[in-house]
Amino acid sequence: MELLASPEIWIAFATLLLLEIVLGIDNIVFISILSGRLPEHQRARARTIGLALALITRLLLLASLSWVIGLTAPLFTVFGQEISGRDLILLIGGLFLVAKATYEIHEHLEGDDHGKKGKAASFASVIAQILVLDIVFSLDSVITAVGMVDELAVMVAAVVVAMVIMLVSASAVSNFVNRHPTVKMLALAFLVLIGASLVAEGLDQHIPKGYVYGPIAFSIFVEFLNLRARSRQKRERSAPVHLHPTYVKNSGEQRNAVLVAARPTGKTQVPKQPGNAGQQGRAGQPNRSGRPGGNTNRPGKGGRGGRSGRG
């Protein structure tokens, strides 16, 4: 009860939980990419087993803190560089992550070959690869937890809650990554970067986490903007096209048709026939009396013609 009443414990728990979630995102992404090579009905089971193995690995490492701390003791020296058990695990895991992510990028760019080889991946091989990366990520996560918090109960609670959150969000993250090829390529590039940072950690070249995850967060934000822009362009291309009526303007000779913005009156203007302006016959024009043109004198009545006929 004293732990629950201490605000320092809650602050440490919240900080460690947030860090565990951030460190677990790359684990979810890698599991999503590997499970995407399986048939549709096996992907959810592979994700669940992979995250369950990650939780079990973290809890086992937390239960053996003395062994984890002892991994930092140097085992041998290479070119003046002391190598510990932790360094070996980080080196092997980092190299494996770089090689696997590079291979996935190559397969993703191949197109049809990627689809054929993805179907050939077996369930056991995918689970084995997930287990290898779970060990590497779990070791990094537990060592980070040991360096931040002294209470074992707080570490266990933060790790369990973080894994439950990742288990709930794994399906949505996996579907989103597999549905957007550019996001998948970006995630693979992140895995290469994270693998390189693990190799550097194994060589005692400490890289602050902010230098790694800061550019990753910025790239995710830029890719989010690109997705919104592409979605808007797709909606604009699928919108119906409205055509305006046209007319032919005639002033002695025919001109080109010009598109004009007409009001939607529902009526279509009929173009005039060219060349008829000078051919409007006198017979077609009404005279002063309102009758068709031609001989306006009536036969036998009025007019000079009628009078001359009498004579």
Protein backbone atom coordinates (compact mmCIF):
# COMPACT_ATOMS: atom_id res chain seq x y z
CA MET A 1 0.00 0.00 0.00
CA GLU A 2 2.90 2.33 0.62
CA LEU A 3 3.96 1.91 -3.01
CA LEU A 4 0.50 2.89 -4.28
CA ALA A 5 0.46 5.99 -2.09
CA SER A 6 3.82 7.26 -3.30
CA PRO A 7 3.62 9.80 -6.18
CA GLU A 8 7.22 9.02 -7.15
CA ILE A 9 6.22 5.41 -7.80
CA TRP A 10 3.35 6.47 -10.04
CA ILE A 11 5.57 8.87 -11.96
CA ALA A 12 8.18 6.14 -12.43
CA PHE A 13 5.45 3.69 -13.49
CA ALA A 14 4.01 6.10 -16.08
CA THR A 15 7.45 6.96 -17.45
CA LEU A 16 8.49 3.32 -17.69
CA LEU A 17 5.13 2.35 -19.25
CA LEU A 18 5.49 5.01 -21.93
CA LEU A 19 9.06 3.93 -22.63
CA GLU A 20 8.07 0.27 -22.81
CA ILE A 21 5.32 1.10 -25.32
CA VAL A 22 7.74 3.12 -27.46
CA LEU A 23 10.33 0.34 -27.33
CA GLY A 24 7.62 -2.21 -28.13
CA ILE A 25 6.41 -0.46 -31.29
CA ASP A 26 9.33 -1.81 -33.32
CA ASN A 27 8.54 -5.26 -31.94
CA ILE A 28 4.93 -4.96 -33.13
CA VAL A 29 6.04 -3.72 -36.55
CA PHE A 30 8.49 -6.58 -37.00
CA ILE A 31 5.90 -9.15 -35.90
CA SER A 32 3.36 -7.59 -38.28
CA ILE A 33 5.76 -7.79 -41.22
CA LEU A 34 6.73 -11.39 -40.49
CA SER A 35 3.13 -12.51 -39.92
CA GLY A 36 2.15 -10.82 -43.20
CA ARG A 37 4.07 -13.55 -45.04
CA LEU A 38 1.71 -16.18 -43.65
CA PRO A 39 -1.75 -17.10 -44.98
CA GLU A 40 -4.59 -14.90 -43.83
CA HIS A 41 -6.01 -17.38 -41.30
CA GLN A 42 -2.65 -17.79 -39.51
CA ARG A 43 -1.62 -14.14 -39.11
CA ALA A 44 -3.65 -13.34 -35.99
CA ARG A 45 -2.42 -16.49 -34.25
CA ALA A 46 1.19 -15.69 -35.14
CA ARG A 47 0.85 -12.15 -33.74
CA THR A 48 -0.70 -13.43 -30.52
CA ILE A 49 1.96 -16.10 -30.02
CA GLY A 50 4.74 -13.63 -30.82
CA LEU A 51 3.53 -11.05 -28.29
CA ALA A 52 2.90 -13.74 -25.69
CA LEU A 53 6.47 -14.97 -26.13
CA ALA A 54 7.70 -11.40 -25.79
CA LEU A 55 5.81 -11.02 -22.50
CA ILE A 56 7.10 -14.34 -21.16
CA THR A 57 10.66 -13.44 -22.15
CA ARG A 58 10.46 -10.06 -20.41
CA LEU A 59 9.04 -11.59 -17.23
CA LEU A 60 11.72 -14.29 -17.17
CA LEU A 61 14.42 -11.68 -17.57
CA LEU A 62 12.91 -9.57 -14.80
CA ALA A 63 12.75 -12.62 -12.54
CA SER A 64 16.47 -13.19 -13.09
CA LEU A 65 17.74 -9.66 -12.54
CA SER A 66 21.00 -10.86 -11.04
CA TRP A 67 21.74 -12.77 -14.23
CA VAL A 68 20.77 -9.80 -16.40
CA ILE A 69 23.02 -7.49 -14.38
CA GLY A 70 25.80 -10.06 -14.62
CA LEU A 71 25.55 -9.90 -18.43
CA THR A 72 27.27 -6.53 -18.31
CA ALA A 73 30.48 -8.08 -16.98
CA PRO A 74 33.18 -8.37 -19.71
CA LEU A 75 33.77 -11.85 -21.09
CA PHE A 76 36.71 -11.24 -23.46
CA THR A 77 38.50 -8.47 -25.31
CA VAL A 78 38.70 -7.92 -29.06
CA PHE A 79 41.07 -5.24 -30.39
CA GLY A 80 41.05 -3.58 -27.00
CA GLN A 81 37.25 -3.65 -26.84
CA GLU A 82 35.69 -5.49 -23.90
CA ILE A 83 32.77 -7.70 -24.95
CA SER A 84 30.14 -8.73 -22.40
CA GLY A 85 27.21 -11.11 -22.68
CA ARG A 86 24.85 -8.20 -23.23
CA ASP A 87 27.09 -6.88 -26.01
CA LEU A 88 27.06 -10.25 -27.74
CA ILE A 89 23.26 -10.48 -27.62
CA LEU A 90 22.86 -6.93 -28.92
CA LEU A 91 25.44 -7.49 -31.68
CA ILE A 92 23.84 -10.71 -32.89
CA GLY A 93 20.30 -9.33 -32.61
CA GLY A 94 21.20 -6.05 -34.31
CA LEU A 95 22.93 -7.78 -37.22
CA PHE A 96 20.00 -10.18 -37.58
CA LEU A 97 17.54 -7.27 -37.58
CA VAL A 98 19.51 -5.33 -40.21
CA ALA A 99 19.87 -8.42 -42.42
CA LYS A 100 16.21 -9.41 -42.06
CA ALA A 101 14.89 -5.90 -42.73
CA THR A 102 17.18 -5.52 -45.75
CA TYR A 103 15.99 -8.87 -47.09
CA GLU A 104 12.36 -7.83 -46.62
CA ILE A 105 12.99 -4.56 -48.46
CA HIS A 106 14.54 -6.48 -51.35
CA GLU A 107 11.61 -8.91 -51.44
CA HIS A 108 9.14 -6.04 -51.25
CA LEU A 109 10.71 -4.36 -54.27
CA GLU A 110 10.72 -7.57 -56.32
CA GLY A 111 6.95 -7.55 -56.77
CA ASP A 112 5.68 -10.96 -57.90
CA ASP A 113 8.59 -12.84 -56.35
CA HIS A 114 7.66 -11.37 -53.00
CA GLY A 115 4.19 -12.78 -53.19
CA LYS A 116 5.39 -16.27 -54.17
CA LYS A 117 8.00 -16.46 -51.43
CA GLY A 118 5.61 -14.99 -48.86
CA LYS A 119 3.19 -17.86 -49.39
CA ALA A 120 6.01 -20.40 -48.94
CA ALA A 121 6.91 -19.15 -45.44
CA SER A 122 6.07 -21.74 -42.80
CA PHE A 123 4.41 -20.99 -39.49
CA ALA A 124 7.26 -22.52 -37.47
CA SER A 125 9.96 -20.45 -39.22
CA VAL A 126 8.03 -17.22 -38.65
CA ILE A 127 7.56 -18.02 -34.94
CA ALA A 128 11.29 -18.85 -34.62
CA GLN A 129 12.28 -15.50 -36.13
CA ILE A 130 9.82 -13.69 -33.88
CA LEU A 131 11.29 -15.47 -30.84
CA VAL A 132 14.84 -14.40 -31.74
CA LEU A 133 13.83 -10.75 -31.99
CA ASP A 134 11.70 -11.01 -28.85
CA ILE A 135 14.81 -11.99 -26.89
CA VAL A 136 16.78 -9.04 -28.27
CA PHE A 137 14.04 -6.46 -27.72
CA SER A 138 13.16 -7.90 -24.31
CA LEU A 139 16.77 -7.66 -23.14
CA ASP A 140 16.99 -4.04 -24.22
CA SER A 141 13.64 -3.29 -22.57
CA VAL A 142 14.51 -4.98 -19.28
CA ILE A 143 17.92 -3.32 -19.05
CA THR A 144 16.22 0.03 -19.62
CA ALA A 145 13.68 -0.76 -16.89
CA VAL A 146 16.42 -1.77 -14.44
CA GLY A 147 18.22 1.50 -15.05
CA MET A 148 15.09 3.59 -14.41
CA VAL A 149 13.25 1.90 -11.52
CA ASP A 150 14.44 0.07 -8.42
CA GLU A 151 11.18 -1.64 -7.50
CA LEU A 152 10.61 -5.01 -9.16
CA ALA A 153 6.83 -4.75 -8.79
CA VAL A 154 6.79 -1.49 -10.74
CA MET A 155 8.86 -3.05 -13.53
CA VAL A 156 6.58 -6.07 -13.80
CA ALA A 157 3.42 -3.93 -13.76
CA ALA A 158 4.76 -1.58 -16.47
CA VAL A 159 5.89 -4.45 -18.69
CA VAL A 160 2.60 -6.36 -18.34
CA VAL A 161 0.42 -3.29 -19.02
CA ALA A 162 2.58 -2.31 -22.02
CA MET A 163 2.34 -5.81 -23.48
CA VAL A 164 -1.46 -5.85 -23.00
CA ILE A 165 -1.72 -2.52 -24.86
CA MET A 166 0.47 -3.86 -27.66
CA LEU A 167 -1.57 -7.06 -27.84
CA VAL A 168 -4.80 -5.08 -28.23
CA SER A 169 -3.36 -2.74 -30.87
CA ALA A 170 -1.34 -5.36 -32.77
CA SER A 171 -4.15 -6.22 -35.19
CA ALA A 172 -4.84 -2.58 -36.11
CA VAL A 173 -1.13 -1.82 -36.53
CA SER A 174 -0.59 -4.94 -38.64
CA ASN A 175 -3.55 -4.21 -40.94
CA PHE A 176 -2.47 -0.59 -41.35
CA VAL A 177 1.13 -1.54 -42.21
CA ASN A 178 0.11 -4.25 -44.68
CA ARG A 179 -2.56 -2.02 -46.30
CA HIS A 180 -0.16 0.85 -47.10
CA PRO A 181 2.99 -0.18 -49.00
CA THR A 182 4.77 3.12 -48.30
CA VAL A 183 4.20 2.71 -44.55
CA LYS A 184 5.55 -0.83 -44.75
CA MET A 185 8.68 0.37 -46.54
CA LEU A 186 9.11 3.11 -43.96
CA ALA A 187 8.75 0.57 -41.13
CA LEU A 188 11.41 -1.65 -42.70
CA ALA A 189 13.74 1.34 -42.93
CA PHE A 190 13.08 1.97 -39.22
CA LEU A 191 14.05 -1.60 -38.43
CA VAL A 192 17.35 -1.13 -40.28
CA LEU A 193 17.99 2.02 -38.22
CA ILE A 194 17.09 0.29 -34.95
CA GLY A 195 19.27 -2.70 -35.83
CA ALA A 196 22.20 -0.40 -36.54
CA SER A 197 21.68 1.29 -33.16
CA LEU A 198 21.70 -2.13 -31.45
CA VAL A 199 24.98 -2.98 -33.16
CA ALA A 200 26.42 0.32 -31.96
CA GLU A 201 25.21 -0.44 -28.43
CA GLY A 202 26.92 -3.82 -28.62
CA LEU A 203 30.17 -2.04 -29.46
CA ASP A 204 29.74 0.26 -26.42
CA GLN A 205 28.86 3.23 -28.64
CA HIS A 206 25.86 4.60 -26.79
CA ILE A 207 23.29 6.37 -28.96
CA PRO A 208 20.58 8.34 -27.10
CA LYS A 209 17.13 6.97 -27.78
CA GLY A 210 15.91 10.43 -28.75
CA TYR A 211 18.33 10.50 -31.68
CA VAL A 212 16.78 7.28 -32.99
CA TYR A 213 13.09 7.65 -32.20
CA GLY A 214 12.92 11.41 -32.86
CA PRO A 215 13.53 11.08 -36.64
CA ILE A 216 11.24 8.06 -36.67
CA ALA A 217 8.40 10.08 -35.13
CA PHE A 218 8.99 12.94 -37.59
CA SER A 219 8.98 10.53 -40.56
CA ILE A 220 5.73 9.00 -39.34
CA PHE A 221 4.17 12.46 -39.16
CA VAL A 222 5.31 13.30 -42.72
CA GLU A 223 3.99 9.97 -44.00
CA PHE A 224 0.66 10.68 -42.29
CA LEU A 225 0.43 13.96 -44.21
CA ASN A 226 1.24 12.11 -47.46
CA LEU A 227 -1.52 9.59 -46.79
CA ARG A 228 -4.02 12.40 -46.22
CA ALA A 229 -2.93 14.14 -49.44
CA ARG A 230 -3.23 10.94 -51.50
CA SER A 231 -6.64 10.23 -50.02
CA ARG A 232 -7.86 13.70 -50.98
CA GLN A 233 -6.51 13.38 -54.53
CA LYS A 234 -8.27 10.03 -54.88
CA ARG A 235 -11.57 11.56 -53.80
CA GLU A 236 -11.16 14.43 -56.27
CA ARG A 237 -10.41 12.05 -59.15
CA SER A 238 -13.46 9.95 -58.37
CA ALA A 239 -15.80 12.98 -58.23
CA PRO A 240 -18.26 13.30 -61.19
CA VAL A 241 -17.40 15.78 -63.98
CA HIS A 242 -20.04 18.40 -64.92
CA LEU A 243 -19.95 19.72 -68.50
CA HIS A 244 -21.25 23.17 -69.44
CA PRO A 245 -23.27 23.83 -72.67
CA THR A 246 -21.47 25.31 -75.67
CA TYR A 247 -22.50 27.69 -78.42
CA VAL A 248 -21.04 28.83 -81.74
CA LYS A 249 -20.74 32.56 -82.10
CA ASN A 250 -21.41 33.72 -85.69
CA SER A 251 -20.45 37.16 -87.05
CA GLY A 252 -20.21 36.65 -90.79
CA GLU A 253 -17.93 33.61 -90.56
CA GLN A 254 -17.85 30.58 -88.28
CA ARG A 255 -15.69 30.80 -85.19
CA ASN A 256 -14.44 28.09 -82.85
CA ALA A 257 -16.74 26.83 -80.15
CA VAL A 258 -16.08 28.39 -76.80
CA LEU A 259 -16.97 26.82 -73.47
CA VAL A 260 -18.98 29.20 -71.38
CA ALA A 261 -20.26 28.98 -67.82
CA ALA A 262 -24.01 28.99 -68.31
CA ARG A 263 -26.67 28.97 -65.67
CA PRO A 264 -28.29 25.57 -65.10
CA THR A 265 -31.58 26.49 -66.82
CA GLY A 266 -32.03 23.06 -68.38
CA LYS A 267 -32.20 24.55 -71.91
CA THR A 268 -29.59 23.98 -74.57
CA GLN A 269 -28.81 26.79 -76.99
CA VAL A 270 -28.92 25.72 -80.63
CA PRO A 271 -26.11 27.17 -82.74
CA LYS A 272 -27.08 29.28 -85.71
CA GLN A 273 -26.27 28.05 -89.17
CA PRO A 274 -23.33 29.93 -90.70
CA GLY A 275 -23.52 31.85 -93.92
CA ASN A 276 -27.26 32.63 -93.80
CA ALA A 277 -27.01 36.18 -92.58
CA GLY A 278 -26.79 37.67 -96.07
CA GLN A 279 -29.24 35.20 -97.53
CA GLN A 280 -32.30 36.26 -95.63
CA GLY A 281 -34.57 36.63 -98.62
CA ARG A 282 -36.93 39.48 -99.02
CA ALA A 283 -39.68 36.96 -99.08
CA GLY A 284 -38.69 35.86 -95.61
CA GLN A 285 -38.79 39.39 -94.22
CA PRO A 286 -42.09 41.02 -93.46
CA ASN A 287 -42.82 44.30 -95.25
CA ARG A 288 -44.37 47.33 -93.82
CA SER A 289 -47.79 45.81 -94.10
CA GLY A 290 -46.68 42.79 -92.04
CA ARG A 291 -46.98 40.34 -94.97
CA PRO A 292 -44.24 38.35 -96.73
CA GLY A 293 -42.14 40.22 -99.26
CA GLY A 294 -42.45 40.05 -103.04
CA ASN A 295 -45.14 41.70 -105.18
CA THR A 296 -47.24 43.68 -102.77
CA ASN A 297 -49.82 44.71 -105.43
CA ARG A 298 -53.01 42.73 -105.40
CA PRO A 299 -54.18 41.54 -108.81
CA GLY A 300 -57.07 43.60 -110.13
CA LYS A 301 -57.23 45.89 -107.11
CA GLY A 302 -55.41 49.08 -106.41
CA GLY A 303 -51.97 49.63 -107.71
CA ARG A 304 -50.91 50.67 -111.08
CA GLY A 305 -51.14 47.19 -112.48
CA GLY A 306 -54.85 47.03 -111.83
CA ARG A 307 -55.56 50.40 -113.30
CA SER A 308 -53.60 49.67 -116.47
CA GLY A 309 -55.57 46.49 -116.84
CA ARG A 310 -58.76 48.44 -117.06
CA GLY A 311 -57.43 50.52 -119.86
